[in-house]
mmCIF file of all heavy atoms, coordinates in Angstrom:
data_MODEL
# 
_entry.id   MODEL 
# 
loop_
_atom_site.group_PDB 
_atom_site.id 
_atom_site.type_symbol 
_atom_site.label_atom_id 
_atom_site.label_alt_id 
_atom_site.label_comp_id 
_atom_site.label_asym_id 
_atom_site.label_entity_id 
_atom_site.label_seq_id 
_atom_site.pdbx_PDB_ins_code 
_atom_site.Cartn_x 
_atom_site.Cartn_y 
_atom_site.Cartn_z 
_atom_site.occupancy 
_atom_site.B_iso_or_equiv 
_atom_site.pdbx_formal_charge 
_atom_site.auth_seq_id 
_atom_site.auth_comp_id 
_atom_site.auth_asym_id 
_atom_site.auth_atom_id 
_atom_site.pdbx_PDB_model_num 
ATOM 1   N N   . TYR A 1 1  ? 92.334  75.744 71.251 1.00 0.00 ? 1  TYR A N   1 
ATOM 2   C CA  . TYR A 1 1  ? 93.636  76.227 70.763 1.00 0.00 ? 1  TYR A CA  1 
ATOM 3   C C   . TYR A 1 1  ? 93.983  77.583 71.324 1.00 0.00 ? 1  TYR A C   1 
ATOM 4   O O   . TYR A 1 1  ? 95.129  77.889 71.723 1.00 0.00 ? 1  TYR A O   1 
ATOM 5   C CB  . TYR A 1 1  ? 93.683  76.250 69.244 1.00 0.00 ? 1  TYR A CB  1 
ATOM 6   C CG  . TYR A 1 1  ? 93.858  74.929 68.572 1.00 0.00 ? 1  TYR A CG  1 
ATOM 7   C CD1 . TYR A 1 1  ? 93.022  74.458 67.601 1.00 0.00 ? 1  TYR A CD1 1 
ATOM 8   C CD2 . TYR A 1 1  ? 94.940  74.104 68.935 1.00 0.00 ? 1  TYR A CD2 1 
ATOM 9   C CE1 . TYR A 1 1  ? 93.223  73.218 67.009 1.00 0.00 ? 1  TYR A CE1 1 
ATOM 10  C CE2 . TYR A 1 1  ? 95.169  72.848 68.362 1.00 0.00 ? 1  TYR A CE2 1 
ATOM 11  C CZ  . TYR A 1 1  ? 94.284  72.443 67.401 1.00 0.00 ? 1  TYR A CZ  1 
ATOM 12  O OH  . TYR A 1 1  ? 94.468  71.221 66.787 1.00 0.00 ? 1  TYR A OH  1 
ATOM 13  N N   . ALA A 1 2  ? 93.007  78.477 71.331 1.00 0.00 ? 2  ALA A N   1 
ATOM 14  C CA  . ALA A 1 2  ? 93.219  79.810 71.843 1.00 0.00 ? 2  ALA A CA  1 
ATOM 15  C C   . ALA A 1 2  ? 93.576  79.781 73.302 1.00 0.00 ? 2  ALA A C   1 
ATOM 16  O O   . ALA A 1 2  ? 94.518  80.512 73.779 1.00 0.00 ? 2  ALA A O   1 
ATOM 17  C CB  . ALA A 1 2  ? 91.992  80.685 71.646 1.00 0.00 ? 2  ALA A CB  1 
ATOM 18  N N   . GLY A 1 3  ? 92.869  78.914 74.077 1.00 0.00 ? 3  GLY A N   1 
ATOM 19  C CA  . GLY A 1 3  ? 93.194  78.815 75.496 1.00 0.00 ? 3  GLY A CA  1 
ATOM 20  C C   . GLY A 1 3  ? 94.567  78.237 75.714 1.00 0.00 ? 3  GLY A C   1 
ATOM 21  O O   . GLY A 1 3  ? 95.286  78.710 76.581 1.00 0.00 ? 3  GLY A O   1 
ATOM 22  N N   . SER A 1 4  ? 94.945  77.286 74.898 1.00 0.00 ? 4  SER A N   1 
ATOM 23  C CA  . SER A 1 4  ? 96.288  76.706 75.006 1.00 0.00 ? 4  SER A CA  1 
ATOM 24  C C   . SER A 1 4  ? 97.347  77.736 74.711 1.00 0.00 ? 4  SER A C   1 
ATOM 25  O O   . SER A 1 4  ? 98.338  77.839 75.388 1.00 0.00 ? 4  SER A O   1 
ATOM 26  C CB  . SER A 1 4  ? 96.391  75.518 74.049 1.00 0.00 ? 4  SER A CB  1 
ATOM 27  O OG  . SER A 1 4  ? 97.712  74.986 74.062 1.00 0.00 ? 4  SER A OG  1 
ATOM 28  N N   . ALA A 1 5  ? 97.137  78.510 73.668 1.00 0.00 ? 5  ALA A N   1 
ATOM 29  C CA  . ALA A 1 5  ? 98.112  79.526 73.292 1.00 0.00 ? 5  ALA A CA  1 
ATOM 30  C C   . ALA A 1 5  ? 98.230  80.599 74.364 1.00 0.00 ? 5  ALA A C   1 
ATOM 31  O O   . ALA A 1 5  ? 99.314  81.068 74.687 1.00 0.00 ? 5  ALA A O   1 
ATOM 32  C CB  . ALA A 1 5  ? 97.693  80.206 71.964 1.00 0.00 ? 5  ALA A CB  1 
ATOM 33  N N   . LEU A 1 6  ? 97.077  80.975 75.007 1.00 0.00 ? 6  LEU A N   1 
ATOM 34  C CA  . LEU A 1 6  ? 97.092  81.979 76.057 1.00 0.00 ? 6  LEU A CA  1 
ATOM 35  C C   . LEU A 1 6  ? 97.884  81.438 77.259 1.00 0.00 ? 6  LEU A C   1 
ATOM 36  O O   . LEU A 1 6  ? 98.651  82.182 77.866 1.00 0.00 ? 6  LEU A O   1 
ATOM 37  C CB  . LEU A 1 6  ? 95.663  82.325 76.447 1.00 0.00 ? 6  LEU A CB  1 
ATOM 38  C CG  . LEU A 1 6  ? 95.517  83.408 77.542 1.00 0.00 ? 6  LEU A CG  1 
ATOM 39  C CD1 . LEU A 1 6  ? 96.164  84.726 77.019 1.00 0.00 ? 6  LEU A CD1 1 
ATOM 40  C CD2 . LEU A 1 6  ? 94.061  83.641 77.871 1.00 0.00 ? 6  LEU A CD2 1 
ATOM 41  N N   . ALA A 1 7  ? 97.612  80.154 77.605 1.00 0.00 ? 7  ALA A N   1 
ATOM 42  C CA  . ALA A 1 7  ? 98.316  79.563 78.729 1.00 0.00 ? 7  ALA A CA  1 
ATOM 43  C C   . ALA A 1 7  ? 99.823  79.520 78.484 1.00 0.00 ? 7  ALA A C   1 
ATOM 44  O O   . ALA A 1 7  ? 100.615 79.794 79.383 1.00 0.00 ? 7  ALA A O   1 
ATOM 45  C CB  . ALA A 1 7  ? 97.787  78.151 78.980 1.00 0.00 ? 7  ALA A CB  1 
ATOM 46  N N   . GLN A 1 8  ? 100.186 79.211 77.259 1.00 0.00 ? 8  GLN A N   1 
ATOM 47  C CA  . GLN A 1 8  ? 101.612 79.198 76.871 1.00 0.00 ? 8  GLN A CA  1 
ATOM 48  C C   . GLN A 1 8  ? 102.223 80.544 77.000 1.00 0.00 ? 8  GLN A C   1 
ATOM 49  O O   . GLN A 1 8  ? 103.365 80.722 77.452 1.00 0.00 ? 8  GLN A O   1 
ATOM 50  C CB  . GLN A 1 8  ? 101.755 78.660 75.467 1.00 0.00 ? 8  GLN A CB  1 
ATOM 51  C CG  . GLN A 1 8  ? 103.210 78.323 75.072 1.00 0.00 ? 8  GLN A CG  1 
ATOM 52  C CD  . GLN A 1 8  ? 103.252 77.655 73.744 1.00 0.00 ? 8  GLN A CD  1 
ATOM 53  O OE1 . GLN A 1 8  ? 102.826 78.182 72.741 1.00 0.00 ? 8  GLN A OE1 1 
ATOM 54  N NE2 . GLN A 1 8  ? 103.808 76.429 73.724 1.00 0.00 ? 8  GLN A NE2 1 
ATOM 55  N N   . GLU A 1 9  ? 101.457 81.571 76.580 1.00 0.00 ? 9  GLU A N   1 
ATOM 56  C CA  . GLU A 1 9  ? 101.951 82.950 76.623 1.00 0.00 ? 9  GLU A CA  1 
ATOM 57  C C   . GLU A 1 9  ? 102.211 83.396 78.047 1.00 0.00 ? 9  GLU A C   1 
ATOM 58  O O   . GLU A 1 9  ? 103.076 84.231 78.315 1.00 0.00 ? 9  GLU A O   1 
ATOM 59  C CB  . GLU A 1 9  ? 100.895 83.876 75.981 1.00 0.00 ? 9  GLU A CB  1 
ATOM 60  C CG  . GLU A 1 9  ? 101.370 85.311 75.862 1.00 0.00 ? 9  GLU A CG  1 
ATOM 61  C CD  . GLU A 1 9  ? 100.307 86.160 75.184 1.00 0.00 ? 9  GLU A CD  1 
ATOM 62  O OE1 . GLU A 1 9  ? 99.631  85.675 74.293 1.00 0.00 ? 9  GLU A OE1 1 
ATOM 63  O OE2 . GLU A 1 9  ? 100.171 87.357 75.611 1.00 0.00 ? 9  GLU A OE2 1 
ATOM 64  N N   . LYS A 1 10 ? 101.482 82.854 79.016 1.00 0.00 ? 10 LYS A N   1 
ATOM 65  C CA  . LYS A 1 10 ? 101.649 83.246 80.402 1.00 0.00 ? 10 LYS A CA  1 
ATOM 66  C C   . LYS A 1 10 ? 102.570 82.302 81.175 1.00 0.00 ? 10 LYS A C   1 
ATOM 67  O O   . LYS A 1 10 ? 102.726 82.410 82.395 1.00 0.00 ? 10 LYS A O   1 
ATOM 68  C CB  . LYS A 1 10 ? 100.258 83.308 81.099 1.00 0.00 ? 10 LYS A CB  1 
ATOM 69  C CG  . LYS A 1 10 ? 99.317  84.353 80.513 1.00 0.00 ? 10 LYS A CG  1 
ATOM 70  C CD  . LYS A 1 10 ? 99.960  85.755 80.431 1.00 0.00 ? 10 LYS A CD  1 
ATOM 71  C CE  . LYS A 1 10 ? 100.194 86.347 81.816 1.00 0.00 ? 10 LYS A CE  1 
ATOM 72  N NZ  . LYS A 1 10 ? 100.758 87.731 81.672 1.00 0.00 ? 10 LYS A NZ  1 
ATOM 73  N N   . THR A 1 11 ? 103.159 81.368 80.489 1.00 0.00 ? 11 THR A N   1 
ATOM 74  C CA  . THR A 1 11 ? 104.100 80.429 81.081 1.00 0.00 ? 11 THR A CA  1 
ATOM 75  C C   . THR A 1 11 ? 105.532 80.853 80.742 1.00 0.00 ? 11 THR A C   1 
ATOM 76  O O   . THR A 1 11 ? 105.845 81.206 79.610 1.00 0.00 ? 11 THR A O   1 
ATOM 77  C CB  . THR A 1 11 ? 103.866 78.985 80.619 1.00 0.00 ? 11 THR A CB  1 
ATOM 78  O OG1 . THR A 1 11 ? 102.551 78.575 81.004 1.00 0.00 ? 11 THR A OG1 1 
ATOM 79  C CG2 . THR A 1 11 ? 104.898 78.035 81.228 1.00 0.00 ? 11 THR A CG2 1 
ATOM 80  N N   . PHE A 1 12 ? 106.403 80.850 81.746 1.00 0.00 ? 12 PHE A N   1 
ATOM 81  C CA  . PHE A 1 12 ? 107.791 81.223 81.570 1.00 0.00 ? 12 PHE A CA  1 
ATOM 82  C C   . PHE A 1 12 ? 108.655 79.990 81.939 1.00 0.00 ? 12 PHE A C   1 
ATOM 83  O O   . PHE A 1 12 ? 108.658 79.538 83.089 1.00 0.00 ? 12 PHE A O   1 
ATOM 84  C CB  . PHE A 1 12 ? 108.137 82.417 82.479 1.00 0.00 ? 12 PHE A CB  1 
ATOM 85  C CG  . PHE A 1 12 ? 109.595 82.739 82.530 1.00 0.00 ? 12 PHE A CG  1 
ATOM 86  C CD1 . PHE A 1 12 ? 110.354 82.901 81.389 1.00 0.00 ? 12 PHE A CD1 1 
ATOM 87  C CD2 . PHE A 1 12 ? 110.238 82.828 83.782 1.00 0.00 ? 12 PHE A CD2 1 
ATOM 88  C CE1 . PHE A 1 12 ? 111.698 83.220 81.451 1.00 0.00 ? 12 PHE A CE1 1 
ATOM 89  C CE2 . PHE A 1 12 ? 111.584 83.154 83.833 1.00 0.00 ? 12 PHE A CE2 1 
ATOM 90  C CZ  . PHE A 1 12 ? 112.342 83.314 82.682 1.00 0.00 ? 12 PHE A CZ  1 
ATOM 91  N N   . ARG A 1 13 ? 109.399 79.420 80.985 1.00 0.00 ? 13 ARG A N   1 
ATOM 92  C CA  . ARG A 1 13 ? 110.159 78.236 81.145 1.00 0.00 ? 13 ARG A CA  1 
ATOM 93  C C   . ARG A 1 13 ? 111.625 78.597 81.334 1.00 0.00 ? 13 ARG A C   1 
ATOM 94  O O   . ARG A 1 13 ? 112.294 79.036 80.402 1.00 0.00 ? 13 ARG A O   1 
ATOM 95  C CB  . ARG A 1 13 ? 109.955 77.294 79.957 1.00 0.00 ? 13 ARG A CB  1 
ATOM 96  C CG  . ARG A 1 13 ? 108.505 76.892 79.731 1.00 0.00 ? 13 ARG A CG  1 
ATOM 97  C CD  . ARG A 1 13 ? 108.300 76.289 78.393 1.00 0.00 ? 13 ARG A CD  1 
ATOM 98  N NE  . ARG A 1 13 ? 108.653 77.238 77.331 1.00 0.00 ? 13 ARG A NE  1 
ATOM 99  C CZ  . ARG A 1 13 ? 108.782 76.922 76.048 1.00 0.00 ? 13 ARG A CZ  1 
ATOM 100 N NH1 . ARG A 1 13 ? 108.592 75.663 75.660 1.00 0.00 ? 13 ARG A NH1 1 
ATOM 101 N NH2 . ARG A 1 13 ? 109.149 77.799 75.163 1.00 0.00 ? 13 ARG A NH2 1 
ATOM 102 N N   . LEU A 1 14 ? 112.120 78.400 82.555 1.00 0.00 ? 14 LEU A N   1 
ATOM 103 C CA  . LEU A 1 14 ? 113.483 78.844 82.955 1.00 0.00 ? 14 LEU A CA  1 
ATOM 104 C C   . LEU A 1 14 ? 114.408 77.629 83.151 1.00 0.00 ? 14 LEU A C   1 
ATOM 105 O O   . LEU A 1 14 ? 114.077 76.708 83.899 1.00 0.00 ? 14 LEU A O   1 
ATOM 106 C CB  . LEU A 1 14 ? 113.392 79.665 84.253 1.00 0.00 ? 14 LEU A CB  1 
ATOM 107 C CG  . LEU A 1 14 ? 114.696 80.106 84.887 1.00 0.00 ? 14 LEU A CG  1 
ATOM 108 C CD1 . LEU A 1 14 ? 115.460 81.033 83.921 1.00 0.00 ? 14 LEU A CD1 1 
ATOM 109 C CD2 . LEU A 1 14 ? 114.422 80.797 86.207 1.00 0.00 ? 14 LEU A CD2 1 
ATOM 110 N N   . LEU A 1 15 ? 115.548 77.663 82.471 1.00 0.00 ? 15 LEU A N   1 
ATOM 111 C CA  . LEU A 1 15 ? 116.594 76.642 82.592 1.00 0.00 ? 15 LEU A CA  1 
ATOM 112 C C   . LEU A 1 15 ? 117.770 77.280 83.317 1.00 0.00 ? 15 LEU A C   1 
ATOM 113 O O   . LEU A 1 15 ? 118.457 78.116 82.756 1.00 0.00 ? 15 LEU A O   1 
ATOM 114 C CB  . LEU A 1 15 ? 117.017 76.177 81.201 1.00 0.00 ? 15 LEU A CB  1 
ATOM 115 C CG  . LEU A 1 15 ? 118.063 75.061 81.110 1.00 0.00 ? 15 LEU A CG  1 
ATOM 116 C CD1 . LEU A 1 15 ? 117.553 73.769 81.736 1.00 0.00 ? 15 LEU A CD1 1 
ATOM 117 C CD2 . LEU A 1 15 ? 118.448 74.829 79.658 1.00 0.00 ? 15 LEU A CD2 1 
ATOM 118 N N   . THR A 1 16 ? 118.002 76.913 84.592 1.00 0.00 ? 16 THR A N   1 
ATOM 119 C CA  . THR A 1 16 ? 118.954 77.653 85.411 1.00 0.00 ? 16 THR A CA  1 
ATOM 120 C C   . THR A 1 16 ? 119.667 76.717 86.374 1.00 0.00 ? 16 THR A C   1 
ATOM 121 O O   . THR A 1 16 ? 119.402 75.528 86.440 1.00 0.00 ? 16 THR A O   1 
ATOM 122 C CB  . THR A 1 16 ? 118.253 78.804 86.125 1.00 0.00 ? 16 THR A CB  1 
ATOM 123 O OG1 . THR A 1 16 ? 119.228 79.636 86.755 1.00 0.00 ? 16 THR A OG1 1 
ATOM 124 C CG2 . THR A 1 16 ? 117.286 78.280 87.211 1.00 0.00 ? 16 THR A CG2 1 
ATOM 125 N N   . TRP A 1 17 ? 120.495 77.333 87.177 1.00 0.00 ? 17 TRP A N   1 
ATOM 126 C CA  . TRP A 1 17 ? 121.285 76.611 88.198 1.00 0.00 ? 17 TRP A CA  1 
ATOM 127 C C   . TRP A 1 17 ? 120.515 76.512 89.501 1.00 0.00 ? 17 TRP A C   1 
ATOM 128 O O   . TRP A 1 17 ? 119.651 77.317 89.783 1.00 0.00 ? 17 TRP A O   1 
ATOM 129 C CB  . TRP A 1 17 ? 122.613 77.325 88.447 1.00 0.00 ? 17 TRP A CB  1 
ATOM 130 C CG  . TRP A 1 17 ? 123.501 77.469 87.306 1.00 0.00 ? 17 TRP A CG  1 
ATOM 131 C CD1 . TRP A 1 17 ? 123.367 78.345 86.248 1.00 0.00 ? 17 TRP A CD1 1 
ATOM 132 C CD2 . TRP A 1 17 ? 124.710 76.691 87.024 1.00 0.00 ? 17 TRP A CD2 1 
ATOM 133 N NE1 . TRP A 1 17 ? 124.407 78.180 85.340 1.00 0.00 ? 17 TRP A NE1 1 
ATOM 134 C CE2 . TRP A 1 17 ? 125.231 77.160 85.803 1.00 0.00 ? 17 TRP A CE2 1 
ATOM 135 C CE3 . TRP A 1 17 ? 125.335 75.689 87.690 1.00 0.00 ? 17 TRP A CE3 1 
ATOM 136 C CZ2 . TRP A 1 17 ? 126.406 76.657 85.238 1.00 0.00 ? 17 TRP A CZ2 1 
ATOM 137 C CZ3 . TRP A 1 17 ? 126.507 75.166 87.171 1.00 0.00 ? 17 TRP A CZ3 1 
ATOM 138 C CH2 . TRP A 1 17 ? 127.031 75.647 85.923 1.00 0.00 ? 17 TRP A CH2 1 
ATOM 139 N N   . ALA A 1 18 ? 120.854 75.534 90.303 1.00 0.00 ? 18 ALA A N   1 
ATOM 140 C CA  . ALA A 1 18 ? 120.301 75.437 91.655 1.00 0.00 ? 18 ALA A CA  1 
ATOM 141 C C   . ALA A 1 18 ? 120.610 76.747 92.408 1.00 0.00 ? 18 ALA A C   1 
ATOM 142 O O   . ALA A 1 18 ? 121.720 77.300 92.271 1.00 0.00 ? 18 ALA A O   1 
ATOM 143 C CB  . ALA A 1 18 ? 120.864 74.238 92.394 1.00 0.00 ? 18 ALA A CB  1 
ATOM 144 N N   . ASP A 1 19 ? 119.669 77.234 93.171 1.00 0.00 ? 19 ASP A N   1 
ATOM 145 C CA  . ASP A 1 19 ? 119.826 78.400 94.076 1.00 0.00 ? 19 ASP A CA  1 
ATOM 146 C C   . ASP A 1 19 ? 119.629 79.736 93.321 1.00 0.00 ? 19 ASP A C   1 
ATOM 147 O O   . ASP A 1 19 ? 119.677 80.801 93.965 1.00 0.00 ? 19 ASP A O   1 
ATOM 148 C CB  . ASP A 1 19 ? 121.159 78.415 94.815 1.00 0.00 ? 19 ASP A CB  1 
ATOM 149 C CG  . ASP A 1 19 ? 121.351 77.156 95.631 1.00 0.00 ? 19 ASP A CG  1 
ATOM 150 O OD1 . ASP A 1 19 ? 120.394 76.665 96.205 1.00 0.00 ? 19 ASP A OD1 1 
ATOM 151 O OD2 . ASP A 1 19 ? 122.511 76.673 95.682 1.00 0.00 ? 19 ASP A OD2 1 
ATOM 152 N N   . TYR A 1 20 ? 119.474 79.695 91.991 1.00 0.00 ? 20 TYR A N   1 
ATOM 153 C CA  . TYR A 1 20 ? 119.319 80.987 91.253 1.00 0.00 ? 20 TYR A CA  1 
ATOM 154 C C   . TYR A 1 20 ? 117.854 81.393 91.153 1.00 0.00 ? 20 TYR A C   1 
ATOM 155 O O   . TYR A 1 20 ? 117.532 82.515 90.708 1.00 0.00 ? 20 TYR A O   1 
ATOM 156 C CB  . TYR A 1 20 ? 119.872 80.862 89.830 1.00 0.00 ? 20 TYR A CB  1 
ATOM 157 C CG  . TYR A 1 20 ? 121.403 80.928 89.761 1.00 0.00 ? 20 TYR A CG  1 
ATOM 158 C CD1 . TYR A 1 20 ? 122.154 80.774 90.892 1.00 0.00 ? 20 TYR A CD1 1 
ATOM 159 C CD2 . TYR A 1 20 ? 122.055 81.112 88.571 1.00 0.00 ? 20 TYR A CD2 1 
ATOM 160 C CE1 . TYR A 1 20 ? 123.567 80.811 90.838 1.00 0.00 ? 20 TYR A CE1 1 
ATOM 161 C CE2 . TYR A 1 20 ? 123.420 81.177 88.479 1.00 0.00 ? 20 TYR A CE2 1 
ATOM 162 C CZ  . TYR A 1 20 ? 124.189 80.991 89.604 1.00 0.00 ? 20 TYR A CZ  1 
ATOM 163 O OH  . TYR A 1 20 ? 125.573 81.030 89.540 1.00 0.00 ? 20 TYR A OH  1 
ATOM 164 N N   . ALA A 1 21 ? 116.922 80.531 91.569 1.00 0.00 ? 21 ALA A N   1 
ATOM 165 C CA  . ALA A 1 21 ? 115.487 80.843 91.521 1.00 0.00 ? 21 ALA A CA  1 
ATOM 166 C C   . ALA A 1 21 ? 114.831 80.420 92.821 1.00 0.00 ? 21 ALA A C   1 
ATOM 167 O O   . ALA A 1 21 ? 114.069 79.464 92.817 1.00 0.00 ? 21 ALA A O   1 
ATOM 168 C CB  . ALA A 1 21 ? 114.841 80.214 90.347 1.00 0.00 ? 21 ALA A CB  1 
ATOM 169 N N   . PRO A 1 22 ? 115.155 81.061 93.943 1.00 0.00 ? 22 PRO A N   1 
ATOM 170 C CA  . PRO A 1 22 ? 114.553 80.706 95.242 1.00 0.00 ? 22 PRO A CA  1 
ATOM 171 C C   . PRO A 1 22 ? 113.027 80.773 95.182 1.00 0.00 ? 22 PRO A C   1 
ATOM 172 O O   . PRO A 1 22 ? 112.484 81.612 94.445 1.00 0.00 ? 22 PRO A O   1 
ATOM 173 C CB  . PRO A 1 22 ? 115.119 81.719 96.226 1.00 0.00 ? 22 PRO A CB  1 
ATOM 174 C CG  . PRO A 1 22 ? 116.311 82.306 95.563 1.00 0.00 ? 22 PRO A CG  1 
ATOM 175 C CD  . PRO A 1 22 ? 116.055 82.244 94.066 1.00 0.00 ? 22 PRO A CD  1 
ATOM 176 N N   . ALA A 1 23 ? 112.371 79.935 95.955 1.00 0.00 ? 23 ALA A N   1 
ATOM 177 C CA  . ALA A 1 23 ? 110.899 79.860 95.917 1.00 0.00 ? 23 ALA A CA  1 
ATOM 178 C C   . ALA A 1 23 ? 110.217 81.212 96.161 1.00 0.00 ? 23 ALA A C   1 
ATOM 179 O O   . ALA A 1 23 ? 109.233 81.557 95.504 1.00 0.00 ? 23 ALA A O   1 
ATOM 180 C CB  . ALA A 1 23 ? 110.414 78.806 96.894 1.00 0.00 ? 23 ALA A CB  1 
ATOM 181 N N   . ASP A 1 24 ? 110.739 81.990 97.130 1.00 0.00 ? 24 ASP A N   1 
ATOM 182 C CA  . ASP A 1 24 ? 110.086 83.258 97.439 1.00 0.00 ? 24 ASP A CA  1 
ATOM 183 C C   . ASP A 1 24 ? 110.275 84.264 96.334 1.00 0.00 ? 24 ASP A C   1 
ATOM 184 O O   . ASP A 1 24 ? 109.357 85.099 96.056 1.00 0.00 ? 24 ASP A O   1 
ATOM 185 C CB  . ASP A 1 24 ? 110.639 83.824 98.752 1.00 0.00 ? 24 ASP A CB  1 
ATOM 186 C CG  . ASP A 1 24 ? 112.140 84.065 98.757 1.00 0.00 ? 24 ASP A CG  1 
ATOM 187 O OD1 . ASP A 1 24 ? 112.856 83.367 98.022 1.00 0.00 ? 24 ASP A OD1 1 
ATOM 188 O OD2 . ASP A 1 24 ? 112.626 84.945 99.524 1.00 0.00 ? 24 ASP A OD2 1 
ATOM 189 N N   . ILE A 1 25 ? 111.378 84.202 95.619 1.00 0.00 ? 25 ILE A N   1 
ATOM 190 C CA  . ILE A 1 25 ? 111.638 85.117 94.473 1.00 0.00 ? 25 ILE A CA  1 
ATOM 191 C C   . ILE A 1 25 ? 110.736 84.723 93.330 1.00 0.00 ? 25 ILE A C   1 
ATOM 192 O O   . ILE A 1 25 ? 110.115 85.602 92.664 1.00 0.00 ? 25 ILE A O   1 
ATOM 193 C CB  . ILE A 1 25 ? 113.119 85.052 94.056 1.00 0.00 ? 25 ILE A CB  1 
ATOM 194 C CG1 . ILE A 1 25 ? 114.008 85.561 95.221 1.00 0.00 ? 25 ILE A CG1 1 
ATOM 195 C CG2 . ILE A 1 25 ? 113.333 85.897 92.770 1.00 0.00 ? 25 ILE A CG2 1 
ATOM 196 C CD1 . ILE A 1 25 ? 113.757 86.998 95.624 1.00 0.00 ? 25 ILE A CD1 1 
ATOM 197 N N   . VAL A 1 26 ? 110.608 83.397 93.050 1.00 0.00 ? 26 VAL A N   1 
ATOM 198 C CA  . VAL A 1 26 ? 109.690 82.949 92.002 1.00 0.00 ? 26 VAL A CA  1 
ATOM 199 C C   . VAL A 1 26 ? 108.269 83.400 92.305 1.00 0.00 ? 26 VAL A C   1 
ATOM 200 O O   . VAL A 1 26 ? 107.542 83.879 91.420 1.00 0.00 ? 26 VAL A O   1 
ATOM 201 C CB  . VAL A 1 26 ? 109.794 81.444 91.876 1.00 0.00 ? 26 VAL A CB  1 
ATOM 202 C CG1 . VAL A 1 26 ? 108.702 80.945 90.935 1.00 0.00 ? 26 VAL A CG1 1 
ATOM 203 C CG2 . VAL A 1 26 ? 111.162 81.028 91.308 1.00 0.00 ? 26 VAL A CG2 1 
ATOM 204 N N   . ALA A 1 27 ? 107.851 83.226 93.536 1.00 0.00 ? 27 ALA A N   1 
ATOM 205 C CA  . ALA A 1 27 ? 106.474 83.585 93.944 1.00 0.00 ? 27 ALA A CA  1 
ATOM 206 C C   . ALA A 1 27 ? 106.230 85.093 93.768 1.00 0.00 ? 27 ALA A C   1 
ATOM 207 O O   . ALA A 1 27 ? 105.157 85.492 93.282 1.00 0.00 ? 27 ALA A O   1 
ATOM 208 C CB  . ALA A 1 27 ? 106.202 83.186 95.398 1.00 0.00 ? 27 ALA A CB  1 
ATOM 209 N N   . GLN A 1 28 ? 107.222 85.881 94.083 1.00 0.00 ? 28 GLN A N   1 
ATOM 210 C CA  . GLN A 1 28 ? 107.064 87.347 93.937 1.00 0.00 ? 28 GLN A CA  1 
ATOM 211 C C   . GLN A 1 28 ? 106.960 87.714 92.475 1.00 0.00 ? 28 GLN A C   1 
ATOM 212 O O   . GLN A 1 28 ? 106.144 88.568 92.107 1.00 0.00 ? 28 GLN A O   1 
ATOM 213 C CB  . GLN A 1 28 ? 108.223 88.099 94.636 1.00 0.00 ? 28 GLN A CB  1 
ATOM 214 C CG  . GLN A 1 28 ? 108.068 89.630 94.573 1.00 0.00 ? 28 GLN A CG  1 
ATOM 215 C CD  . GLN A 1 28 ? 109.206 90.328 95.326 1.00 0.00 ? 28 GLN A CD  1 
ATOM 216 O OE1 . GLN A 1 28 ? 109.893 89.750 96.174 1.00 0.00 ? 28 GLN A OE1 1 
ATOM 217 N NE2 . GLN A 1 28 ? 109.382 91.599 95.030 1.00 0.00 ? 28 GLN A NE2 1 
ATOM 218 N N   . PHE A 1 29 ? 107.802 87.092 91.639 1.00 0.00 ? 29 PHE A N   1 
ATOM 219 C CA  . PHE A 1 29 ? 107.775 87.387 90.197 1.00 0.00 ? 29 PHE A CA  1 
ATOM 220 C C   . PHE A 1 29 ? 106.417 86.991 89.645 1.00 0.00 ? 29 PHE A C   1 
ATOM 221 O O   . PHE A 1 29 ? 105.820 87.748 88.861 1.00 0.00 ? 29 PHE A O   1 
ATOM 222 C CB  . PHE A 1 29 ? 108.874 86.651 89.503 1.00 0.00 ? 29 PHE A CB  1 
ATOM 223 C CG  . PHE A 1 29 ? 108.848 86.769 88.008 1.00 0.00 ? 29 PHE A CG  1 
ATOM 224 C CD1 . PHE A 1 29 ? 109.240 87.943 87.382 1.00 0.00 ? 29 PHE A CD1 1 
ATOM 225 C CD2 . PHE A 1 29 ? 108.442 85.701 87.193 1.00 0.00 ? 29 PHE A CD2 1 
ATOM 226 C CE1 . PHE A 1 29 ? 109.200 88.073 85.985 1.00 0.00 ? 29 PHE A CE1 1 
ATOM 227 C CE2 . PHE A 1 29 ? 108.430 85.831 85.852 1.00 0.00 ? 29 PHE A CE2 1 
ATOM 228 C CZ  . PHE A 1 29 ? 108.774 87.000 85.224 1.00 0.00 ? 29 PHE A CZ  1 
# 
């Protein structure tokens, strides 16, 4: 459970438009 919670804490779920999250920008973030 702790591992699952930690993984969730480090996951960022983004709902956005096409082209607003280019692969290189996501990788840098």
